[in-house]
Protein backbone atom coordinates (compact mmCIF):
# COMPACT_ATOMS: atom_id res chain seq x y z
CA UNK A 1 0.00 0.00 0.00
CA UNK A 2 1.58 3.25 -1.09
CA UNK A 3 1.30 6.82 0.13
CA UNK A 4 2.81 10.20 -0.71
CA UNK A 5 4.47 12.37 1.92
CA UNK A 6 3.24 15.81 0.91
CA UNK A 7 2.78 19.38 2.01
CA UNK A 8 -0.39 21.31 1.12
CA UNK A 9 -0.29 24.87 -0.18
CA UNK A 10 -3.72 26.55 -0.38
CA UNK A 11 -2.83 29.14 -3.01
CA UNK A 12 -6.27 30.74 -2.74
CA UNK A 13 -9.45 29.95 -0.85
CA UNK A 14 -11.53 31.93 -3.33
CA UNK A 15 -13.68 29.95 -5.75
CA UNK A 16 -16.51 30.79 -8.10
CA UNK A 17 -18.40 27.61 -7.10
CA UNK A 18 -20.65 27.31 -4.03
CA UNK A 19 -20.75 23.60 -3.22
CA UNK A 20 -23.06 23.10 -0.24
CA UNK A 21 -20.67 20.87 1.73
CA UNK A 22 -17.44 22.85 1.32
CA UNK A 23 -15.57 24.92 3.91
CA UNK A 24 -12.42 25.37 1.79
CA UNK A 25 -13.98 28.04 -0.41
CA UNK A 26 -14.37 31.40 1.30
CA UNK A 27 -15.62 34.85 0.35
CA UNK A 28 -13.13 37.76 0.16
CA UNK A 29 -14.32 39.45 3.37
CA UNK A 30 -13.27 36.40 5.39
CA UNK A 31 -9.73 36.35 4.03
CA UNK A 32 -6.81 38.62 4.86
CA UNK A 33 -5.69 38.40 1.22
CA UNK A 34 -7.09 36.76 -1.91
CA UNK A 35 -3.88 34.81 -2.63
CA UNK A 36 -0.89 33.60 -0.67
CA UNK A 37 2.14 35.78 -1.33
CA UNK A 38 5.26 34.15 -2.82
CA UNK A 39 7.08 34.37 0.51
CA UNK A 40 4.18 32.61 2.23
CA UNK A 41 4.20 29.90 -0.41
CA UNK A 42 7.92 29.39 0.10
CA UNK A 43 7.63 29.31 3.89
CA UNK A 44 5.14 26.42 3.69
CA UNK A 45 7.11 24.62 0.99
CA UNK A 46 10.37 24.92 2.91
CA UNK A 47 8.79 23.50 6.05
CA UNK A 48 7.55 20.56 3.98
CA UNK A 49 10.97 19.93 2.46
CA UNK A 50 12.59 20.04 5.91
CA UNK A 51 10.04 17.46 7.13
CA UNK A 52 11.00 15.05 4.37
CA UNK A 53 8.07 15.69 2.03
CA UNK A 54 8.59 15.01 -1.65
CA UNK A 55 5.29 16.30 -3.04
CA UNK A 56 3.73 19.74 -2.85
CA UNK A 57 -0.02 19.75 -3.46
CA UNK A 58 -1.37 23.09 -4.61
CA UNK A 59 -5.04 23.42 -3.70
CA UNK A 60 -7.14 26.32 -4.94
CA UNK A 61 -10.59 27.37 -5.99
CA UNK A 62 -11.81 27.28 -9.57
CA UNK A 63 -11.11 30.56 -11.48
CA UNK A 64 -12.12 32.97 -8.70
CA UNK A 65 -11.26 35.99 -10.85
CA UNK A 66 -14.39 35.29 -12.89
CA UNK A 67 -16.50 35.98 -9.82
CA UNK A 68 -14.61 38.29 -7.46
CA UNK A 69 -13.20 41.76 -8.00
CA UNK A 70 -10.87 41.06 -5.06
CA UNK A 71 -9.32 38.17 -6.98
CA UNK A 72 -8.81 40.30 -10.09
CA UNK A 73 -7.22 43.04 -7.99
CA UNK A 74 -5.02 40.53 -6.19
CA UNK A 75 -3.78 39.07 -9.44
CA UNK A 76 -3.02 42.53 -10.78
CA UNK A 77 -0.94 43.30 -7.68
CA UNK A 78 0.95 40.06 -8.23
CA UNK A 79 1.49 41.00 -11.91
CA UNK A 80 -0.41 37.91 -13.02
CA UNK A 81 -2.88 37.38 -15.85
CA UNK A 82 -4.87 34.66 -14.10
CA UNK A 83 -4.99 32.29 -11.15
CA UNK A 84 -3.51 29.59 -13.36
CA UNK A 85 -0.59 31.77 -14.44
CA UNK A 86 0.18 32.47 -10.78
CA UNK A 87 -0.11 28.77 -10.02
CA UNK A 88 2.41 27.96 -12.74
CA UNK A 89 4.90 30.52 -11.42
CA UNK A 90 4.58 29.32 -7.82
CA UNK A 91 4.87 25.65 -8.75
CA UNK A 92 8.00 26.45 -10.75
CA UNK A 93 9.45 28.50 -7.88
CA UNK A 94 8.82 25.79 -5.29
CA UNK A 95 10.32 23.06 -7.47
CA UNK A 96 13.46 25.06 -8.25
CA UNK A 97 14.00 26.27 -4.67
CA UNK A 98 13.07 23.15 -2.67
CA UNK A 99 13.06 20.19 -5.06
CA UNK A 100 9.48 19.30 -4.09
CA UNK A 101 7.48 17.87 -6.99
CA UNK A 102 4.22 19.77 -7.63
CA UNK A 103 0.83 18.13 -7.99
CA UNK A 104 -1.83 20.61 -9.11
CA UNK A 105 -5.60 20.67 -8.52
CA UNK A 106 -6.69 23.84 -10.34
CA UNK A 107 -10.15 22.80 -11.54
CA UNK A 108 -11.32 22.92 -15.14
CA UNK A 109 -8.56 23.38 -17.71
CA UNK A 110 -8.20 23.73 -21.47
CA UNK A 111 -5.68 21.76 -23.49
CA UNK A 112 -3.39 24.79 -23.67
CA UNK A 113 -3.55 25.29 -19.89
CA UNK A 114 -2.75 21.64 -19.31
CA UNK A 115 0.29 21.92 -21.60
CA UNK A 116 1.60 24.96 -19.73
CA UNK A 117 1.08 23.51 -16.26
CA UNK A 118 2.58 20.19 -17.31
CA UNK A 119 5.94 21.97 -17.57
CA UNK A 120 5.99 22.57 -13.81
CA UNK A 121 4.21 19.53 -12.35
CA UNK A 122 4.53 15.77 -12.17
CA UNK A 123 0.78 15.25 -12.10
CA UNK A 124 -2.56 17.00 -11.85
CA UNK A 125 -6.09 16.16 -10.87
CA UNK A 126 -9.74 17.05 -10.67
CA UNK A 127 -12.42 15.14 -8.80
CA UNK A 128 -15.39 14.26 -10.96
CA UNK A 129 -17.35 13.82 -7.71
CA UNK A 130 -20.43 12.66 -9.60
CA UNK A 131 -21.71 12.39 -13.15
CA UNK A 132 -25.28 12.92 -11.94
CA UNK A 133 -26.99 15.99 -13.40
CA UNK A 134 -29.55 15.63 -10.63
CA UNK A 135 -27.03 16.97 -8.13
CA UNK A 136 -26.98 20.29 -10.02
CA UNK A 137 -30.68 20.92 -9.44
CA UNK A 138 -32.01 23.44 -6.93
CA UNK A 139 -31.71 22.13 -3.39
CA UNK A 140 -28.91 19.73 -4.35
CA UNK A 141 -25.22 20.11 -3.40
CA UNK A 142 -23.88 21.36 -6.74
CA UNK A 143 -26.61 23.92 -7.42
CA UNK A 144 -25.00 27.25 -8.36
CA UNK A 145 -21.60 25.69 -9.15
CA UNK A 146 -20.90 26.07 -12.89
CA UNK A 147 -17.65 24.14 -12.74
CA UNK A 148 -19.33 21.01 -11.34
CA UNK A 149 -21.15 20.25 -14.59
CA UNK A 150 -20.07 16.62 -15.18
CA UNK A 151 -19.46 17.00 -18.91
CA UNK A 152 -17.00 19.86 -18.28
CA UNK A 153 -15.04 17.90 -15.70
CA UNK A 154 -14.96 14.80 -17.87
CA UNK A 155 -13.67 16.91 -20.75
CA UNK A 156 -10.77 18.13 -18.60
CA UNK A 157 -9.94 14.51 -17.75
CA UNK A 158 -10.12 13.59 -21.44
CA UNK A 159 -7.87 16.48 -22.43
CA UNK A 160 -5.33 15.39 -19.82
CA UNK A 161 -5.00 12.16 -21.76
CA UNK A 162 -4.51 14.03 -25.00
CA UNK A 163 -1.75 16.13 -23.39
CA UNK A 164 -0.04 13.16 -21.65
CA UNK A 165 -0.74 14.48 -18.16
CA UNK A 166 -0.85 11.82 -15.41
CA UNK A 167 -4.17 12.50 -13.73
CA UNK A 168 -5.98 11.84 -10.48
CA UNK A 169 -9.76 11.82 -10.24
CA UNK A 170 -12.51 10.12 -8.30
CA UNK A 171 -15.95 10.37 -6.77
CA UNK A 172 -17.41 11.84 -3.59
CA UNK A 173 -19.97 9.56 -1.97
CA UNK A 174 -22.77 10.43 0.42
CA UNK A 175 -23.85 13.78 -1.06
CA UNK A 176 -27.26 12.59 -2.24
CA UNK A 177 -26.30 10.27 -5.06
CA UNK A 178 -27.57 6.71 -5.44
CA UNK A 179 -25.46 3.57 -5.76
CA UNK A 180 -26.42 3.42 -9.43
CA UNK A 181 -25.17 6.99 -9.93
CA UNK A 182 -21.85 6.05 -8.31
CA UNK A 183 -21.45 3.20 -10.76
CA UNK A 184 -22.37 5.50 -13.64
CA UNK A 185 -19.80 8.05 -12.43
CA UNK A 186 -17.04 5.44 -12.31
CA UNK A 187 -18.00 4.18 -15.77
CA UNK A 188 -17.93 7.77 -17.06
CA UNK A 189 -14.36 8.13 -15.82
CA UNK A 190 -13.41 4.84 -17.44
CA UNK A 191 -14.92 6.02 -20.74
CA UNK A 192 -12.54 9.02 -20.98
CA UNK A 193 -9.46 7.24 -19.66
CA UNK A 194 -6.88 6.68 -22.39
CA UNK A 195 -4.17 5.77 -19.89
CA UNK A 196 -3.78 9.11 -18.15
CA UNK A 197 -5.88 8.29 -15.06
CA UNK A 198 -3.26 7.09 -12.60
CA UNK A 199 -5.49 7.08 -9.54
CA UNK A 200 -9.14 6.82 -8.53
CA UNK A 201 -10.13 8.36 -5.18
CA UNK A 202 -13.19 7.10 -3.33
CA UNK A 203 -13.84 9.93 -0.89
CA UNK A 204 -16.56 9.81 1.71
CA UNK A 205 -18.53 12.96 2.52
CA UNK A 206 -17.92 14.48 5.95
CA UNK A 207 -20.49 16.96 7.27
CA UNK A 208 -19.04 20.33 8.28
CA UNK A 209 -20.51 22.98 10.52
CA UNK A 210 -21.30 26.26 8.83
CA UNK A 211 -22.37 24.63 5.56
CA UNK A 212 -25.84 24.00 4.15
CA UNK A 213 -25.21 20.27 4.52
CA UNK A 214 -24.00 20.49 8.11
CA UNK A 215 -26.80 18.15 9.29
CA UNK A 216 -26.69 15.78 6.32
CA UNK A 217 -25.99 12.15 7.23
CA UNK A 218 -22.54 10.84 6.40
CA UNK A 219 -22.22 7.58 4.45
CA UNK A 220 -21.66 4.56 6.67
CA UNK A 221 -18.68 2.25 6.36
CA UNK A 222 -20.70 -0.32 4.37
CA UNK A 223 -21.33 2.26 1.63
CA UNK A 224 -17.66 3.18 1.49
CA UNK A 225 -16.48 -0.43 1.32
CA UNK A 226 -19.11 -1.30 -1.31
CA UNK A 227 -18.03 1.62 -3.50
CA UNK A 228 -14.31 0.80 -3.19
CA UNK A 229 -15.03 -2.80 -4.19
CA UNK A 230 -17.13 -1.71 -7.17
CA UNK A 231 -14.36 0.64 -8.30
CA UNK A 232 -11.86 -2.20 -8.14
CA UNK A 233 -14.15 -4.40 -10.23
CA UNK A 234 -14.74 -1.66 -12.82
CA UNK A 235 -11.10 -0.60 -13.21
CA UNK A 236 -9.38 -3.92 -12.66
CA UNK A 237 -6.20 -4.90 -10.81
CA UNK A 238 -3.84 -2.37 -12.41
CA UNK A 239 -5.63 0.83 -11.35
CA UNK A 240 -4.47 2.66 -8.23
CA UNK A 241 -7.45 3.13 -5.92
CA UNK A 242 -7.29 5.12 -2.72
CA UNK A 243 -9.46 6.23 0.17
CA UNK A 244 -8.21 9.05 2.44
CA UNK A 245 -7.21 7.48 5.79
CA UNK A 246 -8.03 10.59 7.82
CA UNK A 247 -11.70 10.38 6.81
CA UNK A 248 -12.20 6.84 8.13
CA UNK A 249 -10.25 6.36 11.36
CA UNK A 250 -10.62 2.99 13.04
CA UNK A 251 -11.60 1.02 9.93
CA UNK A 252 -8.46 1.17 7.81
CA UNK A 253 -8.00 -2.60 7.72
CA UNK A 254 -11.50 -3.01 6.30
CA UNK A 255 -10.71 -0.42 3.64
CA UNK A 256 -7.61 -2.36 2.60
CA UNK A 257 -9.72 -5.50 2.38
CA UNK A 258 -12.24 -3.74 0.12
CA UNK A 259 -9.61 -3.19 -2.56
CA UNK A 260 -7.48 -0.06 -2.17
CA UNK A 261 -3.74 -0.06 -2.80
CA UNK A 262 -2.95 3.54 -1.81
CA UNK A 263 -3.62 5.94 1.08
CA UNK A 264 -3.08 9.10 -0.96
CA UNK A 265 -1.21 12.09 0.37
CA UNK A 266 -0.39 12.29 4.08
CA UNK A 267 1.20 15.44 5.44
CA UNK A 268 3.43 15.70 8.52
CA UNK A 269 3.27 19.50 8.25
CA UNK A 270 -0.07 20.85 7.06
CA UNK A 271 -3.70 19.88 7.70
CA UNK A 272 -6.13 18.57 5.12
CA UNK A 273 -7.47 21.96 4.06
CA UNK A 274 -10.51 20.36 2.43
CA UNK A 275 -11.36 18.37 5.56
CA UNK A 276 -9.69 20.35 8.37
CA UNK A 277 -11.73 18.55 11.04
CA UNK A 278 -10.06 15.25 10.13
CA UNK A 279 -6.38 15.11 11.22
CA UNK A 280 -3.89 12.96 9.35
CA UNK A 281 -2.91 9.70 11.03
CA UNK A 282 0.66 9.55 12.30
CA UNK A 283 2.77 7.71 9.73
CA UNK A 284 3.88 5.19 12.35
CA UNK A 285 0.22 4.40 13.08
CA UNK A 286 -0.58 4.18 9.37
CA UNK A 287 2.33 1.79 8.86
CA UNK A 288 1.13 -0.38 11.77
CA UNK A 289 -2.45 -0.50 10.48
CA UNK A 290 -1.20 -1.36 7.01
CA UNK A 291 1.04 -4.12 8.37
CA UNK A 292 -1.85 -5.54 10.41
CA UNK A 293 -3.76 -5.72 7.12
CA UNK A 294 -1.04 -7.97 5.72
CA UNK A 295 0.52 -5.23 3.58
CA UNK A 296 3.62 -3.05 3.63
CA UNK A 297 3.51 0.76 3.59
CA UNK A 298 5.70 2.19 0.80
CA UNK A 299 6.33 5.83 -0.03
CA UNK A 300 5.76 7.00 -3.59
CA UNK A 301 6.05 10.32 -5.39
CA UNK A 302 3.26 12.38 -6.94
CA UNK A 303 3.71 10.10 -9.94
CA UNK A 304 2.95 6.39 -9.58
CA UNK A 305 5.76 3.90 -10.35
CA UNK A 306 4.13 2.57 -13.52
CA UNK A 307 4.22 6.09 -14.98
CA UNK A 308 7.71 6.79 -13.68
CA UNK A 309 9.07 3.65 -15.38
CA UNK A 310 6.92 3.84 -18.50
CA UNK A 311 8.59 4.49 -21.84
CA UNK A 312 5.73 6.84 -22.71
CA UNK A 313 6.29 10.58 -22.41
CA UNK A 314 4.48 11.31 -19.12
CA UNK A 315 7.02 13.76 -17.67
CA UNK A 316 8.30 17.09 -18.96
CA UNK A 317 12.02 16.95 -19.85
CA UNK A 318 12.75 19.72 -17.35
CA UNK A 319 11.53 17.55 -14.48
CA UNK A 320 12.89 14.18 -15.57
CA UNK A 321 16.49 14.45 -14.22
CA UNK A 322 15.26 15.34 -10.74
CA UNK A 323 12.62 12.62 -10.91
CA UNK A 324 15.17 9.94 -11.77
CA UNK A 325 17.32 10.99 -8.79
CA UNK A 326 14.31 10.71 -6.47
CA UNK A 327 13.21 7.14 -7.28
CA UNK A 328 14.41 3.67 -6.42
CA UNK A 329 14.66 0.75 -8.82
CA UNK A 330 10.92 0.06 -8.60
CA UNK A 331 9.84 3.65 -9.21
CA UNK A 332 8.93 4.40 -5.60
CA UNK A 333 10.46 7.23 -3.56
CA UNK A 334 14.08 6.70 -2.54
CA UNK A 335 14.46 5.93 1.15
CA UNK A 336 18.17 6.85 1.37
CA UNK A 337 20.88 8.71 -0.52
CA UNK A 338 22.87 5.70 -1.70
CA UNK A 339 23.66 5.41 -5.39
CA UNK A 340 25.83 3.09 -7.46
CA UNK A 341 29.45 4.26 -7.36
CA UNK A 342 29.21 6.18 -4.09
CA UNK A 343 31.29 5.29 -1.03
CA UNK A 344 28.31 4.81 1.31
CA UNK A 345 27.07 1.33 2.14
CA UNK A 346 23.77 0.48 0.40
CA UNK A 347 20.57 0.22 2.40
CA UNK A 348 19.64 -3.24 3.64
CA UNK A 349 15.98 -2.64 2.76
């Protein structure tokens, strides 16, 4: 069972969508600034590098400048054309200054935007969440969120394949969808996957105070296990399937048994900004739970081993030398600094 040691950088909490379960997105009056400043970005990234992280996950809202004057003003002060242009510059800065490999979750993207961001990231992602149009209707969780239209999100995933961008996606369960709609959502992802989908996330809804869905019931463990198992059946043995460990404490062994092979990103530095009420498990505890499930916990990068070792062009040439230095012979993250020809003794692992 793999995981990625990462640090989260919330580049902006502004978003033009208004999902009824989200506390990540905020309005300008509740923020001290629309965007993190470069020095703030570097402070977080440096702390992650010092803690042994190898991935930097940039989280942000979807094109907030299309909704907020504060976002447009903030971008102008940063001498940026858009949120995505600022994202590209910050990802490039962090990689060059710290060596952390960026993974980007910027929302909907065009082919041209994917090409540009590919130059500064190992991988990207967007959660489909659901392919159900019913969830966009009034009174449902995606009402008033133009970027949650399933066809638009599926198009971004499709374009990622066209641009050779290793991509993460998945579904959010427990927000009002049926089991049939979950299956349809997974099949929709499979229909646009031309090899670029490196990971499927099965994420369970967690109710949050201060949201419209604060009193909505959370899915029980049976629903989560059923959905993981269905995803494994639909995508087969080669797909990487994960469920966030911080959202299901106490049942991790059952989750392994349902069919996952990855825990996703776990941060020793920053909280889960999307689910701040759910702290990350300590890595020692996660390793113990994984071992008790009959598996071994192995660290990976933001790019899965099959993509690292593939002869296909999944990585920008500017990132490849650093990537090759960061992996072991199986494509996982290096656990020591030994290399052939050096005077140090090799690891016994």
